[in-house]
Protein backbone atom coordinates (compact mmCIF):
# COMPACT_ATOMS: atom_id res chain seq x y z
CA MET A 1 -33.35 7.98 13.21
CA LYS A 2 -36.93 6.85 14.46
CA ILE A 3 -37.12 8.37 17.90
CA ILE A 4 -40.41 7.57 20.32
CA LEU A 5 -41.24 10.07 22.75
CA ALA A 6 -43.59 8.60 25.75
CA VAL A 7 -45.69 11.07 27.36
CA ASP A 8 -47.85 10.92 30.68
CA GLY A 9 -48.35 14.75 31.43
CA SER A 10 -46.40 14.51 34.71
CA SER A 11 -43.40 16.61 35.37
CA CYS A 12 -41.02 14.14 34.84
CA SER A 13 -42.68 13.48 31.23
CA ASP A 14 -42.20 17.07 30.63
CA ALA A 15 -38.54 16.93 31.27
CA ALA A 16 -38.40 14.17 28.97
CA VAL A 17 -39.75 16.36 26.34
CA GLU A 18 -37.71 19.14 26.96
CA GLU A 19 -34.18 16.76 26.76
CA VAL A 20 -35.39 15.56 23.38
CA ALA A 21 -35.98 19.65 22.76
CA ARG A 22 -32.86 20.68 23.64
CA ARG A 23 -30.57 18.25 21.59
CA PRO A 24 -29.32 18.13 17.77
CA TRP A 25 -30.74 15.01 16.19
CA PRO A 26 -29.76 13.88 12.72
CA ALA A 27 -31.09 15.36 9.72
CA GLY A 28 -34.51 13.29 8.69
CA SER A 29 -34.99 12.16 12.14
CA GLU A 30 -38.71 11.05 12.69
CA PHE A 31 -40.45 11.82 16.38
CA ARG A 32 -43.28 9.90 17.31
CA ILE A 33 -45.13 10.87 20.50
CA ILE A 34 -47.13 8.29 22.16
CA SER A 35 -49.30 8.47 25.13
CA VAL A 36 -50.80 5.05 26.28
CA ALA A 37 -54.53 5.53 28.13
CA GLU A 38 -54.87 2.80 30.50
CA LEU A 39 -57.82 0.85 30.77
CA PRO A 40 -60.13 1.05 33.84
CA ALA A 41 -59.62 -1.48 36.29
CA LEU A 42 -62.30 -2.47 39.07
CA PRO A 43 -61.46 -0.77 41.88
CA THR A 44 -61.94 -3.69 44.37
CA PRO A 45 -62.18 -7.42 43.98
CA GLU A 46 -65.55 -7.17 45.91
CA THR A 47 -68.86 -7.43 44.20
CA TRP A 48 -70.63 -4.14 44.42
CA VAL A 49 -72.45 -2.66 41.80
CA LEU A 50 -70.47 0.68 40.03
CA PRO A 51 -72.43 3.52 38.62
CA GLU A 52 -73.70 2.99 35.57
CA GLY A 53 -71.24 4.25 32.66
CA TYR A 54 -68.20 3.75 35.21
CA PHE A 55 -66.29 2.02 32.71
CA GLU A 56 -66.77 4.39 29.72
CA GLU A 57 -66.34 7.33 31.78
CA ALA A 58 -63.24 6.07 33.20
CA GLU A 59 -61.74 5.37 29.83
CA ARG A 60 -63.09 8.45 28.43
CA ALA A 61 -60.92 10.32 31.57
CA SER A 62 -57.83 8.39 30.62
CA GLN A 63 -57.93 9.19 26.78
CA ASP A 64 -58.47 13.04 27.66
CA ARG A 65 -55.28 12.92 29.91
CA ALA A 66 -53.33 11.19 27.13
CA ARG A 67 -54.38 13.19 24.47
CA VAL A 68 -53.47 16.54 26.81
CA ALA A 69 -50.11 15.28 27.19
CA ILE A 70 -49.70 14.48 23.49
CA ASP A 71 -51.07 17.93 22.45
CA LYS A 72 -48.65 19.93 25.07
CA ALA A 73 -45.56 17.40 23.91
CA ALA A 74 -46.20 18.22 20.57
CA GLU A 75 -46.65 21.82 20.76
CA ARG A 76 -43.44 22.17 22.86
CA LEU A 77 -41.68 20.15 20.25
CA ARG A 78 -42.85 22.15 17.23
CA GLN A 79 -41.24 25.69 18.72
CA PHE A 80 -37.97 23.90 17.38
CA GLU A 81 -37.43 24.25 14.17
CA LYS A 82 -34.51 21.85 14.15
CA LEU A 83 -36.75 18.98 14.62
CA GLY A 84 -38.64 19.98 11.77
CA PRO A 85 -42.05 18.52 10.37
CA GLN A 86 -41.50 15.15 11.08
CA ILE A 87 -43.33 14.88 14.51
CA THR A 88 -46.30 12.90 14.56
CA SER A 89 -48.61 11.51 17.38
CA GLU A 90 -50.40 8.52 18.48
CA LEU A 91 -52.86 7.55 21.37
CA LEU A 92 -52.37 3.78 22.56
CA GLN A 93 -54.88 1.83 24.67
CA GLY A 94 -53.72 -0.82 27.28
CA HIS A 95 -50.76 -0.86 30.09
CA PRO A 96 -47.74 1.34 29.40
CA GLN A 97 -45.10 -1.52 30.15
CA HIS A 98 -46.28 -3.39 27.78
CA VAL A 99 -47.79 -1.28 25.04
CA ILE A 100 -44.74 0.99 24.51
CA PRO A 101 -42.13 -1.55 23.74
CA GLU A 102 -44.53 -3.59 21.69
CA TYR A 103 -45.42 0.02 19.81
CA ALA A 104 -41.79 0.54 19.28
CA GLU A 105 -40.70 -3.03 17.61
CA GLN A 106 -43.85 -2.21 15.32
CA TRP A 107 -42.95 0.93 14.18
CA GLY A 108 -38.82 0.31 13.86
CA ALA A 109 -37.73 2.85 16.57
CA ASP A 110 -34.35 3.38 17.25
CA LEU A 111 -34.53 5.04 20.57
CA ILE A 112 -37.50 5.47 23.35
CA VAL A 113 -37.44 8.38 25.73
CA LEU A 114 -39.13 8.77 28.72
CA GLY A 115 -39.30 10.16 31.84
CA SER A 116 -39.01 8.38 35.53
CA HIS A 117 -40.82 9.65 38.52
CA GLY A 118 -38.13 7.98 40.51
CA TYR A 119 -40.32 6.00 43.04
CA ARG A 120 -38.42 3.97 45.35
CA GLY A 121 -39.45 1.19 48.40
CA LEU A 122 -43.00 0.53 48.93
CA LYS A 123 -44.53 3.42 46.22
CA ARG A 124 -42.54 1.54 43.65
CA LEU A 125 -43.85 -1.58 44.52
CA TRP A 126 -47.27 -0.33 44.62
CA LEU A 127 -47.24 1.47 41.19
CA GLY A 128 -44.70 -0.01 39.51
CA SER A 129 -42.17 1.13 37.28
CA VAL A 130 -43.00 1.98 33.83
CA SER A 131 -39.45 3.16 32.49
CA HIS A 132 -38.17 0.19 34.19
CA ALA A 133 -40.41 -2.28 32.05
CA VAL A 134 -39.81 -0.09 29.19
CA ALA A 135 -35.78 -0.54 29.43
CA SER A 136 -36.14 -3.92 29.94
CA HIS A 137 -38.36 -5.19 27.74
CA ALA A 138 -37.22 -2.67 24.41
CA LYS A 139 -35.64 -4.18 21.55
CA CYS A 140 -34.44 -0.43 20.59
CA SER A 141 -32.56 2.02 23.14
CA VAL A 142 -34.16 3.55 25.84
CA GLU A 143 -33.25 6.88 27.31
CA VAL A 144 -34.63 7.25 30.67
CA VAL A 145 -35.02 11.11 31.61
CA ARG A 146 -35.07 11.56 35.79
CA CYS A 147 -37.09 14.34 36.92
CA ARG A 148 -34.88 16.73 38.94
CA GLN A 149 -37.24 17.88 41.48
CA ILE A 150 -38.35 14.43 42.78
CA THR A 151 -34.60 12.97 42.88
CA GLN A 152 -33.65 15.95 44.93
CA SER A 153 -36.38 15.11 47.41
CA LEU A 154 -35.44 11.79 47.72
CA GLY A 155 -31.89 13.02 48.90
CA GLU A 156 -30.21 12.06 45.54
């Protein structure tokens, strides 16, 4: 079985890592931990001068956050001998909503596991839902792990 664990370093992403770690998986399963560094966007459509190196610095910061998220998830999964040595990782660039399902199809994944922030209302409209987009567009199964502390604070 080929499993993609998509992480972003959030507590909801940590919940997805824990879910993968605690499960019994078929022998020979392969795990690929990915994180998508989003490309920097203009902060406003108005024309004004950005500091020199703005885009390079924003891109570097996004890649650093993604790499930290991957390393943290890999370290946690490697604590479980049952998962074996079949853990690899990859840092990708783009918009997670599009990159994750495309990557899963290219790699031939059987399952994508990712966390959900559980945003509702205007927050969801403004920030979007990566987990919803991935679940809607992936050609393989998708497991969305809810972050308990956020869903409890929302009264669910």
